[in-house]
Protein backbone atom coordinates (compact mmCIF):
# COMPACT_ATOMS: atom_id res chain seq x y z
CA MET A 1 8.57 14.56 -45.36
CA ARG A 2 8.51 11.06 -43.86
CA THR A 3 5.15 9.94 -42.53
CA VAL A 4 4.61 7.30 -39.86
CA SER A 5 1.13 5.76 -39.71
CA ILE A 6 -0.02 5.11 -36.15
CA VAL A 7 -2.87 2.66 -35.59
CA GLY A 8 -4.60 3.64 -32.35
CA GLY A 9 -5.24 7.02 -30.77
CA GLY A 10 -4.69 6.10 -27.13
CA ILE A 11 -2.02 7.46 -24.82
CA GLY A 12 0.85 5.67 -26.54
CA GLY A 13 -0.16 6.67 -30.05
CA LEU A 14 -0.71 10.31 -29.10
CA VAL A 15 2.60 10.63 -27.27
CA LEU A 16 4.34 9.01 -30.25
CA ALA A 17 2.82 11.61 -32.60
CA LEU A 18 4.07 14.42 -30.35
CA GLU A 19 7.55 12.91 -30.08
CA LEU A 20 7.74 12.42 -33.86
CA GLU A 21 6.67 16.03 -34.44
CA ARG A 22 9.41 17.16 -32.07
CA HIS A 23 11.91 15.36 -34.33
CA GLY A 24 10.43 16.76 -37.55
CA ILE A 25 8.63 13.56 -38.58
CA ARG A 26 5.00 13.67 -39.73
CA SER A 27 2.43 11.16 -38.50
CA LEU A 28 -1.16 10.12 -39.15
CA ILE A 29 -3.22 8.49 -36.40
CA TYR A 30 -6.02 6.08 -37.30
CA GLU A 31 -8.49 5.65 -34.45
CA ALA A 32 -11.32 3.10 -34.37
CA ALA A 33 -13.74 5.22 -32.33
CA PRO A 34 -16.18 7.36 -34.31
CA ARG A 35 -15.29 10.28 -32.03
CA LEU A 36 -12.73 10.85 -29.32
CA GLN A 37 -14.21 10.82 -25.84
CA ALA A 38 -12.87 11.29 -22.32
CA LEU A 39 -13.36 7.70 -21.13
CA GLY A 40 -11.94 5.59 -18.33
CA VAL A 41 -11.09 6.09 -14.69
CA GLY A 42 -7.89 6.92 -12.81
CA ILE A 43 -4.35 6.42 -14.00
CA ASN A 44 -0.90 7.08 -12.55
CA VAL A 45 2.08 8.45 -14.44
CA LEU A 46 5.30 7.63 -12.60
CA PRO A 47 8.27 10.05 -12.63
CA HIS A 48 10.20 8.19 -15.36
CA ALA A 49 7.25 8.70 -17.73
CA SER A 50 6.25 12.17 -16.51
CA ALA A 51 9.79 13.25 -17.44
CA VAL A 52 8.95 12.40 -21.06
CA LEU A 53 5.74 14.44 -20.91
CA ALA A 54 7.63 17.34 -19.36
CA GLY A 55 10.07 17.15 -22.27
CA LEU A 56 7.06 17.67 -24.54
CA GLY A 57 6.16 20.86 -22.66
CA LEU A 58 3.09 19.40 -20.92
CA GLU A 59 4.15 19.68 -17.28
CA GLU A 60 2.17 22.82 -16.48
CA GLN A 61 -1.05 21.45 -18.00
CA LEU A 62 -0.63 18.14 -16.18
CA THR A 63 -0.03 19.89 -12.87
CA ASP A 64 -3.23 21.90 -13.36
CA ARG A 65 -5.37 18.80 -13.99
CA ALA A 66 -3.77 16.08 -11.88
CA VAL A 67 -3.02 15.38 -8.24
CA LEU A 68 0.70 15.25 -7.48
CA THR A 69 0.98 12.08 -5.44
CA ARG A 70 2.91 12.60 -2.20
CA GLU A 71 3.18 9.04 -0.87
CA ALA A 72 2.06 5.44 -1.14
CA ALA A 73 0.60 4.02 2.08
CA PHE A 74 -0.01 0.35 2.82
CA TYR A 75 -2.64 -1.01 5.25
CA ASN A 76 -4.13 -4.36 6.15
CA ARG A 77 -7.86 -4.89 5.66
CA PHE A 78 -8.50 -3.86 9.26
CA GLY A 79 -7.19 -0.36 8.54
CA GLN A 80 -3.92 -0.89 10.41
CA HIS A 81 -0.96 0.97 8.96
CA ILE A 82 1.90 -1.13 7.60
CA PHE A 83 4.26 1.24 5.84
CA THR A 84 4.37 4.55 3.96
CA GLU A 85 6.91 5.59 1.36
CA PRO A 86 7.24 8.97 -0.38
CA ALA A 87 6.38 9.29 -4.07
CA GLY A 88 7.35 11.53 -6.95
CA ARG A 89 9.21 14.70 -6.00
CA TRP A 90 8.76 13.84 -2.31
CA ALA A 91 10.90 10.76 -3.02
CA GLY A 92 13.62 12.90 -4.58
CA HIS A 93 12.70 12.51 -8.24
CA ASP A 94 13.12 15.41 -10.63
CA HIS A 95 9.56 14.95 -11.87
CA PRO A 96 6.29 14.25 -10.07
CA GLN A 97 4.05 11.24 -9.97
CA TYR A 98 0.70 12.28 -11.44
CA SER A 99 -2.60 10.74 -10.41
CA ILE A 100 -5.07 11.80 -13.08
CA HIS A 101 -8.32 10.78 -14.76
CA ARG A 102 -7.43 8.87 -17.92
CA GLY A 103 -9.92 11.03 -19.81
CA ASP A 104 -8.18 14.22 -18.64
CA LEU A 105 -4.79 12.92 -19.77
CA HIS A 106 -6.18 11.72 -23.09
CA SER A 107 -7.94 15.04 -23.78
CA LEU A 108 -4.78 16.97 -22.94
CA LEU A 109 -2.78 14.85 -25.40
CA VAL A 110 -5.43 15.09 -28.15
CA ASP A 111 -5.44 18.88 -27.87
CA ALA A 112 -1.64 18.99 -28.03
CA VAL A 113 -1.52 16.72 -31.09
CA ARG A 114 -4.10 18.74 -33.00
CA ARG A 115 -2.43 22.01 -32.08
CA ARG A 116 1.11 20.94 -32.96
CA CYS A 117 0.65 18.31 -35.67
CA GLY A 118 -2.47 19.59 -37.42
CA SER A 119 -6.22 19.38 -36.93
CA ASP A 120 -6.50 16.57 -39.50
CA VAL A 121 -3.77 14.31 -38.13
CA ILE A 122 -6.25 12.11 -36.21
CA VAL A 123 -8.53 10.10 -38.52
CA THR A 124 -11.47 8.71 -36.53
CA ASN A 125 -14.01 5.98 -37.36
CA SER A 126 -11.24 3.83 -38.86
CA ARG A 127 -10.92 0.38 -37.28
CA LEU A 128 -8.08 -1.71 -38.68
CA ASP A 129 -9.34 -4.93 -40.27
CA ARG A 130 -6.30 -6.25 -42.13
CA VAL A 131 -2.68 -5.33 -42.71
CA ARG A 132 -0.14 -6.70 -45.18
CA GLU A 133 3.31 -5.77 -46.40
CA VAL A 134 3.50 -4.98 -50.11
CA GLY A 135 7.07 -4.48 -51.27
CA ASP A 136 8.52 -1.54 -49.37
CA ARG A 137 5.10 -0.33 -48.22
CA VAL A 138 2.33 -1.50 -45.89
CA GLU A 139 -1.30 -1.76 -46.97
CA LEU A 140 -3.89 -1.03 -44.30
CA ARG A 141 -7.55 -1.89 -44.72
CA PHE A 142 -10.01 -0.21 -42.37
CA VAL A 143 -13.70 -0.50 -41.71
CA ASP A 144 -15.99 2.10 -40.19
CA ASP A 145 -18.21 1.79 -37.13
CA ASN A 146 -20.83 -0.07 -39.18
CA GLY A 147 -18.29 -2.57 -40.50
CA ASP A 148 -18.30 -1.06 -43.99
CA PRO A 149 -14.90 -1.07 -45.73
CA LEU A 150 -13.02 2.19 -46.26
CA ASP A 151 -10.55 2.98 -49.01
CA PRO A 152 -7.24 1.13 -48.52
CA VAL A 153 -4.30 3.12 -47.12
CA VAL A 154 -0.75 2.54 -48.35
CA ALA A 155 1.72 3.56 -45.65
CA GLU A 156 5.47 4.05 -45.50
CA SER A 157 5.67 2.50 -42.02
CA VAL A 158 3.16 1.43 -39.39
CA VAL A 159 3.21 1.40 -35.58
CA GLY A 160 0.58 -0.75 -33.90
CA CYS A 161 -0.71 1.19 -30.89
CA ASP A 162 -3.98 -0.73 -31.16
CA GLY A 163 -4.10 -2.07 -27.63
CA ILE A 164 -4.82 -5.43 -26.09
CA HIS A 165 -6.78 -6.68 -29.11
CA SER A 166 -4.12 -5.54 -31.58
CA VAL A 167 -4.66 -6.59 -35.20
CA ILE A 168 -1.00 -5.89 -35.92
CA ARG A 169 0.15 -8.10 -33.06
CA LYS A 170 -2.02 -10.91 -34.44
CA THR A 171 -0.55 -10.31 -37.90
CA LEU A 172 3.00 -10.64 -36.62
CA HIS A 173 2.16 -13.54 -34.26
CA PRO A 174 -0.81 -15.44 -35.72
CA ASP A 175 -0.10 -18.53 -33.60
CA GLU A 176 0.38 -16.76 -30.28
CA GLY A 177 -1.07 -18.57 -27.31
CA PRO A 178 -4.09 -17.41 -25.32
CA ALA A 179 -4.13 -14.58 -22.82
CA ARG A 180 -3.07 -15.49 -19.28
CA TYR A 181 -5.62 -14.89 -16.52
CA SER A 182 -3.99 -13.97 -13.23
CA GLY A 183 -6.83 -15.39 -11.12
CA VAL A 184 -7.91 -11.92 -10.01
CA MET A 185 -10.99 -9.92 -11.01
CA MET A 186 -10.88 -6.14 -10.81
CA TRP A 187 -13.63 -3.55 -10.42
CA ARG A 188 -12.91 0.17 -10.89
CA GLY A 189 -14.71 3.44 -10.38
CA VAL A 190 -14.44 7.08 -9.39
CA ALA A 191 -16.46 9.04 -6.85
CA ALA A 192 -16.70 12.58 -5.54
CA HIS A 193 -15.59 12.12 -1.94
CA PRO A 194 -13.92 13.99 0.92
CA GLY A 195 -10.15 13.80 0.89
CA PHE A 196 -8.36 11.30 3.11
CA LEU A 197 -4.95 11.15 4.77
CA SER A 198 -2.75 13.85 3.12
CA GLY A 199 -5.21 14.48 0.28
CA ALA A 200 -2.52 13.21 -2.11
CA THR A 201 -1.99 9.66 -0.83
CA MET A 202 -2.21 6.44 -2.82
CA VAL A 203 -3.52 3.71 -0.52
CA ARG A 204 -3.09 -0.01 -1.05
CA ALA A 205 -4.94 -2.14 1.52
CA GLY A 206 -5.92 -5.75 2.21
CA TRP A 207 -4.96 -8.69 0.01
CA LEU A 208 -6.40 -10.58 -2.93
CA GLN A 209 -8.03 -13.56 -1.20
CA PRO A 210 -10.34 -11.63 1.14
CA GLY A 211 -10.27 -8.45 -0.96
CA LYS A 212 -7.80 -5.72 -1.80
CA LEU A 213 -8.39 -2.02 -2.44
CA VAL A 214 -6.28 0.60 -4.18
CA THR A 215 -7.54 4.19 -3.95
CA TYR A 216 -6.19 7.68 -4.60
CA PRO A 217 -7.46 11.16 -5.57
CA ILE A 218 -7.20 12.16 -9.23
CA ARG A 219 -8.77 15.64 -9.31
CA THR A 220 -9.23 18.47 -6.83
CA GLY A 221 -11.44 21.55 -6.77
CA LEU A 222 -14.83 19.83 -6.84
CA PRO A 223 -17.82 21.55 -5.19
CA ASP A 224 -18.01 21.40 -1.39
CA GLY A 225 -14.28 20.83 -1.17
CA LEU A 226 -14.52 17.26 -2.48
CA GLN A 227 -11.98 15.40 -4.57
CA LEU A 228 -12.54 12.97 -7.42
CA VAL A 229 -11.25 9.72 -5.95
CA ASN A 230 -10.31 6.67 -7.98
CA TRP A 231 -10.67 3.19 -6.50
CA VAL A 232 -9.82 -0.34 -7.63
CA ALA A 233 -11.19 -3.46 -5.91
CA GLU A 234 -9.34 -6.72 -6.58
CA ILE A 235 -10.52 -10.20 -5.57
CA GLU A 236 -9.07 -13.63 -6.28
CA MET A 237 -11.81 -15.62 -8.00
CA PRO A 238 -12.74 -17.45 -11.24
CA ARG A 239 -12.66 -15.35 -14.36
CA ARG A 240 -15.74 -13.38 -15.43
CA GLY A 241 -16.07 -12.02 -18.97
CA GLU A 242 -13.61 -10.99 -21.64
CA ARG A 243 -10.99 -8.26 -21.88
CA ASP A 244 -12.91 -5.04 -22.33
CA TRP A 245 -11.80 -1.88 -20.53
CA GLN A 246 -15.35 -0.49 -20.74
CA ARG A 247 -17.28 -3.57 -19.53
CA ARG A 248 -19.86 -2.53 -16.93
CA GLY A 249 -19.77 -4.06 -13.45
CA GLN A 250 -22.19 -4.20 -10.53
CA LEU A 251 -21.53 -3.09 -6.96
CA ALA A 252 -23.36 -6.14 -5.61
CA ASP A 253 -20.80 -8.46 -7.22
CA PHE A 254 -17.99 -7.45 -4.87
CA ALA A 255 -19.06 -4.84 -2.30
CA GLY A 256 -19.77 -7.46 0.38
CA ARG A 257 -16.03 -8.10 0.70
CA PHE A 258 -15.59 -4.49 1.87
CA ALA A 259 -18.76 -4.03 3.95
CA ASP A 260 -16.87 -3.64 7.25
CA TRP A 261 -14.01 -1.54 5.89
CA ARG A 262 -14.85 1.56 7.93
CA PHE A 263 -11.71 3.23 9.26
CA ASP A 264 -11.12 6.54 10.98
CA TRP A 265 -9.36 7.72 7.80
CA LEU A 266 -11.75 6.31 5.15
CA ASP A 267 -15.24 4.80 4.92
CA VAL A 268 -14.81 2.37 2.03
CA PRO A 269 -18.49 1.34 1.59
CA GLN A 270 -19.38 5.01 1.36
CA LEU A 271 -16.69 5.58 -1.29
CA LEU A 272 -17.85 2.64 -3.38
CA GLY A 273 -21.50 3.61 -3.05
CA ARG A 274 -20.90 7.12 -4.39
CA SER A 275 -19.67 5.83 -7.76
CA GLU A 276 -21.95 6.54 -10.71
CA GLN A 277 -20.31 3.94 -12.95
CA ILE A 278 -18.41 0.72 -12.20
CA LEU A 279 -16.17 -1.09 -14.67
CA GLU A 280 -15.23 -4.78 -14.43
CA TYR A 281 -12.08 -6.33 -15.86
CA PRO A 282 -10.28 -9.68 -15.52
CA MET A 283 -6.62 -9.05 -14.73
CA ILE A 284 -4.99 -10.57 -17.80
CA ASP A 285 -1.67 -10.30 -19.57
CA GLN A 286 0.23 -12.06 -22.38
CA ASP A 287 3.55 -13.83 -22.31
CA PRO A 288 6.31 -11.55 -23.63
CA LEU A 289 6.85 -11.78 -27.39
CA PRO A 290 10.10 -12.96 -29.01
CA PHE A 291 9.95 -9.99 -31.39
CA TRP A 292 7.86 -6.85 -32.02
CA SER A 293 9.01 -5.73 -35.47
CA ARG A 294 9.10 -7.02 -39.02
CA GLY A 295 10.09 -4.84 -41.94
CA ARG A 296 8.03 -1.67 -41.71
CA LEU A 297 5.73 -2.90 -38.92
CA THR A 298 6.26 -2.62 -35.18
CA LEU A 299 4.27 -2.58 -31.93
CA LEU A 300 4.01 -0.16 -29.03
CA GLY A 301 2.35 -0.08 -25.60
CA ASP A 302 -0.34 -2.63 -24.77
CA ALA A 303 -0.11 -4.06 -28.29
CA ALA A 304 3.52 -4.97 -27.60
CA HIS A 305 3.46 -5.87 -23.90
CA PRO A 306 0.03 -6.15 -22.26
CA MET A 307 0.55 -6.43 -18.51
CA VAL A 308 -1.71 -6.86 -15.53
CA PRO A 309 -2.64 -3.38 -14.28
CA ARG A 310 -0.58 -3.40 -11.12
CA GLY A 311 2.25 -1.05 -10.33
CA SER A 312 0.91 2.00 -12.18
CA ASN A 313 3.05 1.11 -15.15
CA GLY A 314 0.95 0.29 -18.24
CA ALA A 315 0.62 3.82 -19.61
CA GLY A 316 4.09 4.72 -18.37
CA GLN A 317 5.74 1.99 -20.39
CA ALA A 318 3.81 3.07 -23.50
CA ILE A 319 5.07 6.63 -23.00
CA LEU A 320 8.65 5.37 -22.69
CA ASP A 321 8.16 3.25 -25.83
CA ALA A 322 7.00 6.33 -27.74
CA GLU A 323 10.00 8.42 -26.73
CA ALA A 324 12.45 5.65 -27.65
CA LEU A 325 10.82 4.85 -31.01
CA ALA A 326 10.74 8.49 -32.14
CA ARG A 327 14.36 8.93 -31.09
CA HIS A 328 15.50 5.94 -33.15
CA LEU A 329 13.44 7.00 -36.19
CA ALA A 330 15.07 10.42 -36.03
CA ARG A 331 18.54 8.87 -36.16
CA THR A 332 18.16 7.02 -39.47
CA ASP A 333 16.11 7.01 -42.66
CA ASP A 334 16.18 3.20 -42.58
CA THR A 335 12.84 2.40 -40.94
CA ALA A 336 13.55 -1.29 -40.38
CA GLN A 337 16.85 -0.42 -38.71
CA ALA A 338 15.12 2.13 -36.47
CA PHE A 339 12.41 -0.37 -35.52
CA ALA A 340 15.07 -2.97 -34.69
CA ALA A 341 17.02 -0.54 -32.49
CA TYR A 342 13.82 0.52 -30.70
CA GLU A 343 12.91 -3.09 -30.03
CA ASP A 344 16.41 -3.87 -28.78
CA GLU A 345 16.08 -1.02 -26.29
CA ARG A 346 12.55 -1.68 -25.06
CA ARG A 347 11.51 -5.33 -25.46
CA GLN A 348 13.59 -6.89 -22.71
CA VAL A 349 12.86 -4.04 -20.31
CA THR A 350 9.09 -4.36 -20.71
CA ALA A 351 9.26 -8.16 -20.51
CA ALA A 352 10.87 -7.75 -17.09
CA VAL A 353 8.03 -5.46 -15.98
CA VAL A 354 5.39 -7.96 -17.19
CA ARG A 355 7.02 -10.68 -15.10
CA MET A 356 7.53 -8.43 -12.09
CA ASN A 357 3.85 -7.42 -12.14
CA ARG A 358 2.98 -11.13 -12.00
CA ALA A 359 5.37 -12.23 -9.27
CA GLU A 360 6.46 -9.29 -7.12
CA PRO A 361 4.30 -6.19 -7.63
CA PRO A 362 4.86 -3.12 -5.44
CA ASP A 363 2.06 -4.18 -3.09
CA ALA A 364 3.61 -7.59 -2.39
CA ILE A 365 4.17 -6.28 1.14
CA LEU A 366 0.41 -6.72 1.62
CA ARG A 367 0.74 -10.42 0.82
CA THR A 368 3.54 -10.75 3.36
CA VAL A 369 1.44 -9.18 6.11
CA TYR A 370 -1.64 -11.22 5.14
CA GLU A 371 0.26 -14.51 5.34
CA ARG A 372 2.26 -13.78 8.49
CA SER A 373 -0.69 -12.35 10.44
CA GLY A 374 -3.11 -15.10 9.46
CA ASP A 375 -5.43 -12.39 8.09
CA ALA A 376 -6.11 -11.04 11.58
CA PRO A 377 -5.56 -7.68 13.31
CA VAL A 378 -2.09 -7.33 14.79
CA ARG A 379 -0.95 -5.88 18.08
CA THR A 380 2.29 -4.38 16.73
CA MET A 381 2.95 -4.21 12.99
CA SER A 382 6.72 -4.18 13.45
CA ASP A 383 6.42 -7.71 14.86
CA ILE A 384 5.02 -8.80 11.48
CA VAL A 385 7.23 -6.85 9.07
CA THR A 386 9.98 -4.31 9.60
CA GLU A 387 10.18 -1.02 7.75
CA ALA A 388 13.48 -2.11 6.18
CA GLU A 389 11.87 -5.25 4.82
CA ALA A 390 8.92 -3.26 3.44
CA GLN A 391 11.30 -0.84 1.73
CA ALA A 392 13.22 -3.73 0.20
CA ILE A 393 10.06 -5.30 -1.24
CA THR A 394 8.79 -2.10 -2.84
CA GLY A 395 12.29 -1.13 -3.91
CA ARG A 396 12.77 -4.34 -5.91
CA TYR A 397 9.73 -3.50 -8.00
CA LEU A 398 10.70 0.12 -8.58
CA LYS A 399 14.18 -0.90 -9.70
CA VAL A 400 12.70 -2.98 -12.53
CA ALA A 401 9.70 -0.75 -13.28
CA THR A 402 11.72 2.43 -13.79
CA THR A 403 14.55 0.91 -15.86
CA ARG A 404 14.84 2.52 -19.29
CA SER A 405 17.64 0.41 -20.80
CA PRO A 406 17.94 -3.39 -21.11
CA ALA A 407 18.40 -5.41 -17.93
CA PRO A 408 21.17 -8.05 -17.71
CA ASP A 409 19.14 -10.87 -19.32
CA PRO A 410 15.45 -10.75 -18.38
CA SER A 411 14.29 -12.40 -21.62
CA ALA A 412 16.62 -15.38 -21.56
CA SER A 413 13.67 -17.74 -21.22
CA LEU A 414 11.75 -16.28 -24.16
CA PRO A 415 11.38 -18.74 -27.04
CA GLY A 416 13.77 -17.74 -29.76
CA ALA A 417 14.95 -14.57 -28.01
CA GLY A 418 18.11 -13.26 -29.61
CA THR A 419 18.09 -15.92 -32.34
CA ARG A 420 15.27 -14.98 -34.73
CA GLU A 421 15.98 -13.02 -37.86
CA ARG A 422 13.69 -10.02 -38.03
CA ASN A 423 12.10 -11.08 -41.32
CA GLU A 424 11.45 -14.66 -40.22
CA GLU A 425 7.88 -15.78 -39.65
CA PRO A 426 7.10 -16.88 -36.09
CA GLN A 427 7.50 -20.61 -35.50
């Protein structure tokens, strides 16, 4: 039986293993962490990605653990309502939008992989150090948590699901430029808190210069009728620190921007103050790559297309990558051909999402209100922005973000796009 080696046991790597198993293809997952833990904060899975998870038979488990998001609501920083649009099934989609703790989603996927693919399919404490192609095979060299080398692994084919610091990405693109800082710092946390609005509402409020907040519930059924609520604070400011999803942050570094955010529907200082742990992250992405694959190596998820975490789309795009890659591998025994077809389907689409997240994210309506109102309370919101205009702004993002096949030419400006042979070294 064919075996695909997956480097990285995050959401993308786990979904890929499940999709491969569905097509009768074996996989092995190599994970750097000594043990798998339920880490992180909230995450959203949009309907185009939740359809993939439903196809894997996970819909019932997701529904039990997640909040099914009903709507996205937009407010200025004075708590004045701008616009609300339905989400998930309430917007007419066949599948829901899930708001869920990343750890809950990850644990659900780990359990499914071990149950369906085998208890030994995930190899922990194996951090990739080097990779090289040797004839028609790929040699992987790992180290353990102490930095001690492990026995080399010779693989038939390798998929880099190794995230924003991908060793495989660096192998394929050793001269890639530096990461691009968006100019925005982000703090994240979760807190047990009373529900607000519908109890299933994603709120986006304020704007980046004075301070912006995104918040939504990710788990119900807590004691005293509380929900587990995820929040993200974003502020335009000089960069602090490196890219590390688990970097600890301090409430004092940003809470002053939200000190007077007390509305009749949510007390923001109270929400922030209830958080046991705060994570800090500079909102960074990379320019889209001219290619993902070479021979028996390819990339998936954040390793292929790191994007600023706006639009609830990072994990979703990794899930779509996994479905597409498994489908193409099932169609041919020629791995390089399958990798090329997968890249042709997904690279341009994800490049368009990276650019859309930079220029016109779904909350761009907040920027419009901030600029037109002069960052002041308004008498009548419809004098600032009409509902039709708000729908058009959010609709432009969704059109790009939920596309599953190549757009007309979103990568035309990529260096070498469409001209590089797949076995050529990057220039």
